[in-house]
Amino acid sequence: MASRSERAAAVDTVFDRRGSSRDKASPRKRRATSDGREPLVVYMLPDSIKALKIAAVEQDTTASAIVTAAVDAWMKKAARGGAK
């Protein structure tokens, strides 16, 4: 697994690409919701996707809401130094 500094460098590289002259010539429009949320593609195994969608229906919520709550909880744990 990549070290924290390697992952940070990869993230910096992605953000650096956004500011390239090519992007300035033709800026990409993002679909955003009225509350400012933006899309993110995440690759998951089909069984995990199916389970997530079933859980969302059973809990009368959305897959996006479940994933957002999970990421928020993980980030809180990471801020305390507990996530790996």
N, C-alpha and C. Protein backbone atom coordinates (compact mmCIF):
# COMPACT_ATOMS: atom_id res chain seq x y z
N MET A 1 0.85 -1.18 0.00
CA MET A 1 0.00 0.00 0.00
C MET A 1 0.89 1.24 0.00
N ALA A 2 0.45 2.27 -0.68
CA ALA A 2 1.22 3.50 -0.79
C ALA A 2 1.25 4.23 0.56
N SER A 3 2.36 4.90 0.81
CA SER A 3 2.47 5.67 2.06
C SER A 3 1.59 6.91 1.97
N ARG A 4 1.38 7.51 3.11
CA ARG A 4 0.54 8.71 3.17
C ARG A 4 1.10 9.82 2.27
N SER A 5 2.43 9.99 2.26
CA SER A 5 3.04 11.03 1.43
C SER A 5 2.89 10.72 -0.05
N GLU A 6 2.96 9.43 -0.41
CA GLU A 6 2.77 9.05 -1.81
C GLU A 6 1.33 9.32 -2.25
N ARG A 7 0.38 9.01 -1.37
CA ARG A 7 -1.03 9.28 -1.70
C ARG A 7 -1.27 10.78 -1.81
N ALA A 8 -0.67 11.56 -0.92
CA ALA A 8 -0.83 13.01 -0.97
C ALA A 8 -0.24 13.57 -2.26
N ALA A 9 0.90 13.04 -2.69
CA ALA A 9 1.51 13.49 -3.94
C ALA A 9 0.61 13.17 -5.13
N ALA A 10 -0.02 11.99 -5.09
CA ALA A 10 -0.94 11.62 -6.18
C ALA A 10 -2.13 12.56 -6.22
N VAL A 11 -2.66 12.92 -5.06
CA VAL A 11 -3.78 13.86 -5.02
C VAL A 11 -3.34 15.21 -5.55
N ASP A 12 -2.16 15.68 -5.14
CA ASP A 12 -1.65 16.95 -5.63
C ASP A 12 -1.52 16.94 -7.14
N THR A 13 -1.07 15.82 -7.70
CA THR A 13 -0.91 15.70 -9.14
C THR A 13 -2.26 15.85 -9.83
N VAL A 14 -3.28 15.22 -9.30
CA VAL A 14 -4.62 15.32 -9.88
C VAL A 14 -5.08 16.77 -9.86
N PHE A 15 -4.91 17.45 -8.73
CA PHE A 15 -5.35 18.83 -8.65
C PHE A 15 -4.50 19.75 -9.52
N ASP A 16 -3.21 19.45 -9.68
CA ASP A 16 -2.36 20.24 -10.57
C ASP A 16 -2.85 20.16 -12.00
N ARG A 17 -3.33 18.99 -12.41
CA ARG A 17 -3.82 18.82 -13.78
C ARG A 17 -5.04 19.69 -14.05
N ARG A 18 -5.83 19.93 -13.04
CA ARG A 18 -7.02 20.77 -13.23
C ARG A 18 -6.64 22.17 -13.66
N GLY A 19 -5.52 22.64 -13.20
CA GLY A 19 -5.11 24.00 -13.50
C GLY A 19 -4.28 24.12 -14.76
N SER A 20 -4.18 23.06 -15.55
CA SER A 20 -3.35 23.12 -16.75
C SER A 20 -3.97 24.05 -17.79
N SER A 21 -3.14 24.48 -18.73
CA SER A 21 -3.62 25.40 -19.76
C SER A 21 -4.71 24.77 -20.60
N ARG A 22 -4.66 23.45 -20.79
CA ARG A 22 -5.70 22.77 -21.56
C ARG A 22 -7.05 22.95 -20.88
N ASP A 23 -7.09 22.80 -19.54
CA ASP A 23 -8.35 22.95 -18.82
C ASP A 23 -8.85 24.39 -18.86
N LYS A 24 -7.93 25.35 -18.88
CA LYS A 24 -8.35 26.75 -18.93
C LYS A 24 -8.95 27.10 -20.28
N ALA A 25 -8.47 26.44 -21.33
CA ALA A 25 -8.98 26.71 -22.67
C ALA A 25 -10.42 26.23 -22.80
N SER A 26 -10.73 25.08 -22.25
CA SER A 26 -12.10 24.56 -22.30
C SER A 26 -12.45 23.97 -20.94
N PRO A 27 -12.93 24.82 -20.04
CA PRO A 27 -13.24 24.34 -18.70
C PRO A 27 -14.37 23.30 -18.74
N ARG A 28 -14.19 22.27 -17.92
CA ARG A 28 -15.21 21.22 -17.85
C ARG A 28 -16.28 21.64 -16.87
N LYS A 29 -17.52 21.43 -17.27
CA LYS A 29 -18.62 21.74 -16.36
C LYS A 29 -18.93 20.50 -15.55
N ARG A 30 -19.13 20.68 -14.27
CA ARG A 30 -19.51 19.59 -13.40
C ARG A 30 -20.99 19.69 -13.11
N ARG A 31 -21.62 18.53 -13.09
CA ARG A 31 -23.01 18.51 -12.63
C ARG A 31 -22.95 18.61 -11.12
N ALA A 32 -23.63 19.53 -10.57
CA ALA A 32 -23.68 19.66 -9.12
C ALA A 32 -25.14 19.76 -8.71
N THR A 33 -25.43 19.28 -7.52
CA THR A 33 -26.79 19.39 -7.01
C THR A 33 -27.02 20.81 -6.50
N SER A 34 -28.26 21.11 -6.20
CA SER A 34 -28.58 22.46 -5.72
C SER A 34 -27.90 22.76 -4.38
N ASP A 35 -27.52 21.71 -3.63
CA ASP A 35 -26.84 21.94 -2.35
C ASP A 35 -25.32 21.87 -2.48
N GLY A 36 -24.82 21.83 -3.73
CA GLY A 36 -23.38 21.92 -3.95
C GLY A 36 -22.63 20.60 -4.04
N ARG A 37 -23.32 19.47 -3.86
CA ARG A 37 -22.63 18.19 -3.97
C ARG A 37 -22.23 17.94 -5.41
N GLU A 38 -21.07 17.29 -5.60
CA GLU A 38 -20.55 17.00 -6.94
C GLU A 38 -20.42 15.49 -7.11
N PRO A 39 -20.45 15.03 -8.35
CA PRO A 39 -20.34 13.58 -8.59
C PRO A 39 -18.92 13.06 -8.39
N LEU A 40 -18.84 11.78 -8.04
CA LEU A 40 -17.57 11.09 -7.87
C LEU A 40 -17.77 9.64 -8.31
N VAL A 41 -16.92 9.16 -9.19
CA VAL A 41 -17.01 7.77 -9.62
C VAL A 41 -16.18 6.92 -8.68
N VAL A 42 -16.78 5.85 -8.19
CA VAL A 42 -16.10 4.91 -7.30
C VAL A 42 -16.31 3.52 -7.87
N TYR A 43 -15.24 2.77 -8.04
CA TYR A 43 -15.34 1.41 -8.56
C TYR A 43 -15.50 0.43 -7.42
N MET A 44 -16.56 -0.36 -7.48
CA MET A 44 -16.85 -1.35 -6.45
C MET A 44 -17.21 -2.67 -7.12
N LEU A 45 -17.08 -3.74 -6.38
CA LEU A 45 -17.49 -5.04 -6.89
C LEU A 45 -19.01 -5.08 -7.03
N PRO A 46 -19.50 -5.79 -8.03
CA PRO A 46 -20.95 -5.84 -8.26
C PRO A 46 -21.76 -6.27 -7.04
N ASP A 47 -21.26 -7.24 -6.28
CA ASP A 47 -22.00 -7.69 -5.09
C ASP A 47 -22.10 -6.58 -4.05
N SER A 48 -21.04 -5.78 -3.92
CA SER A 48 -21.07 -4.66 -2.97
C SER A 48 -22.07 -3.60 -3.42
N ILE A 49 -22.10 -3.34 -4.71
CA ILE A 49 -23.04 -2.35 -5.25
C ILE A 49 -24.47 -2.82 -5.00
N LYS A 50 -24.73 -4.08 -5.28
CA LYS A 50 -26.07 -4.63 -5.08
C LYS A 50 -26.48 -4.53 -3.61
N ALA A 51 -25.59 -4.90 -2.71
CA ALA A 51 -25.87 -4.84 -1.28
C ALA A 51 -26.13 -3.41 -0.83
N LEU A 52 -25.35 -2.46 -1.36
CA LEU A 52 -25.53 -1.06 -1.02
C LEU A 52 -26.89 -0.56 -1.47
N LYS A 53 -27.28 -0.91 -2.69
CA LYS A 53 -28.58 -0.47 -3.22
C LYS A 53 -29.74 -1.09 -2.44
N ILE A 54 -29.60 -2.37 -2.09
CA ILE A 54 -30.65 -3.03 -1.30
C ILE A 54 -30.76 -2.36 0.07
N ALA A 55 -29.62 -2.08 0.70
CA ALA A 55 -29.63 -1.42 2.02
C ALA A 55 -30.28 -0.05 1.92
N ALA A 56 -30.01 0.66 0.84
CA ALA A 56 -30.61 1.99 0.68
C ALA A 56 -32.13 1.90 0.58
N VAL A 57 -32.63 0.94 -0.17
CA VAL A 57 -34.08 0.77 -0.30
C VAL A 57 -34.68 0.36 1.04
N GLU A 58 -34.03 -0.58 1.71
CA GLU A 58 -34.54 -1.06 3.01
C GLU A 58 -34.55 0.05 4.06
N GLN A 59 -33.60 0.96 3.99
CA GLN A 59 -33.51 2.04 4.97
C GLN A 59 -34.18 3.32 4.50
N ASP A 60 -34.83 3.25 3.34
CA ASP A 60 -35.54 4.40 2.77
C ASP A 60 -34.62 5.61 2.65
N THR A 61 -33.45 5.37 2.06
CA THR A 61 -32.48 6.42 1.83
C THR A 61 -31.83 6.18 0.46
N THR A 62 -30.72 6.81 0.20
CA THR A 62 -30.03 6.62 -1.08
C THR A 62 -28.65 6.00 -0.83
N ALA A 63 -28.12 5.35 -1.86
CA ALA A 63 -26.77 4.81 -1.78
C ALA A 63 -25.79 5.94 -1.52
N SER A 64 -26.01 7.08 -2.14
CA SER A 64 -25.14 8.23 -1.95
C SER A 64 -25.12 8.68 -0.49
N ALA A 65 -26.28 8.69 0.15
CA ALA A 65 -26.35 9.10 1.56
C ALA A 65 -25.59 8.12 2.45
N ILE A 66 -25.71 6.82 2.16
CA ILE A 66 -25.00 5.81 2.96
C ILE A 66 -23.49 5.97 2.79
N VAL A 67 -23.04 6.13 1.54
CA VAL A 67 -21.61 6.27 1.28
C VAL A 67 -21.08 7.56 1.91
N THR A 68 -21.84 8.64 1.79
CA THR A 68 -21.42 9.91 2.39
C THR A 68 -21.27 9.78 3.90
N ALA A 69 -22.22 9.12 4.55
CA ALA A 69 -22.13 8.92 6.00
C ALA A 69 -20.92 8.07 6.37
N ALA A 70 -20.64 7.04 5.57
CA ALA A 70 -19.49 6.18 5.83
C ALA A 70 -18.18 6.94 5.67
N VAL A 71 -18.09 7.75 4.62
CA VAL A 71 -16.86 8.53 4.40
C VAL A 71 -16.69 9.57 5.50
N ASP A 72 -17.78 10.23 5.88
CA ASP A 72 -17.70 11.22 6.95
C ASP A 72 -17.22 10.58 8.25
N ALA A 73 -17.75 9.39 8.58
CA ALA A 73 -17.33 8.69 9.79
C ALA A 73 -15.86 8.29 9.71
N TRP A 74 -15.43 7.82 8.52
CA TRP A 74 -14.03 7.44 8.34
C TRP A 74 -13.12 8.66 8.49
N MET A 75 -13.54 9.80 7.94
CA MET A 75 -12.71 11.01 8.03
C MET A 75 -12.60 11.50 9.47
N LYS A 76 -13.68 11.40 10.24
CA LYS A 76 -13.60 11.77 11.66
C LYS A 76 -12.60 10.87 12.38
N LYS A 77 -12.67 9.58 12.08
CA LYS A 77 -11.75 8.62 12.71
C LYS A 77 -10.31 8.92 12.27
N ALA A 78 -10.11 9.25 11.00
CA ALA A 78 -8.77 9.56 10.49
C ALA A 78 -8.22 10.82 11.15
N ALA A 79 -9.09 11.79 11.40
CA ALA A 79 -8.65 13.03 12.05
C ALA A 79 -8.15 12.76 13.48
N ARG A 80 -8.70 11.73 14.09
CA ARG A 80 -8.25 11.36 15.44
C ARG A 80 -7.04 10.43 15.39
N GLY A 81 -6.62 10.09 14.17
CA GLY A 81 -5.46 9.23 14.01
C GLY A 81 -5.76 7.75 14.05
N GLY A 82 -7.03 7.38 13.87
CA GLY A 82 -7.40 5.97 13.98
C GLY A 82 -7.64 5.24 12.68
N ALA A 83 -7.70 5.95 11.54
CA ALA A 83 -7.99 5.28 10.27
C ALA A 83 -6.70 4.84 9.58
N LYS A 84 -6.80 3.73 8.87
CA LYS A 84 -5.64 3.25 8.11
C LYS A 84 -6.03 3.03 6.68
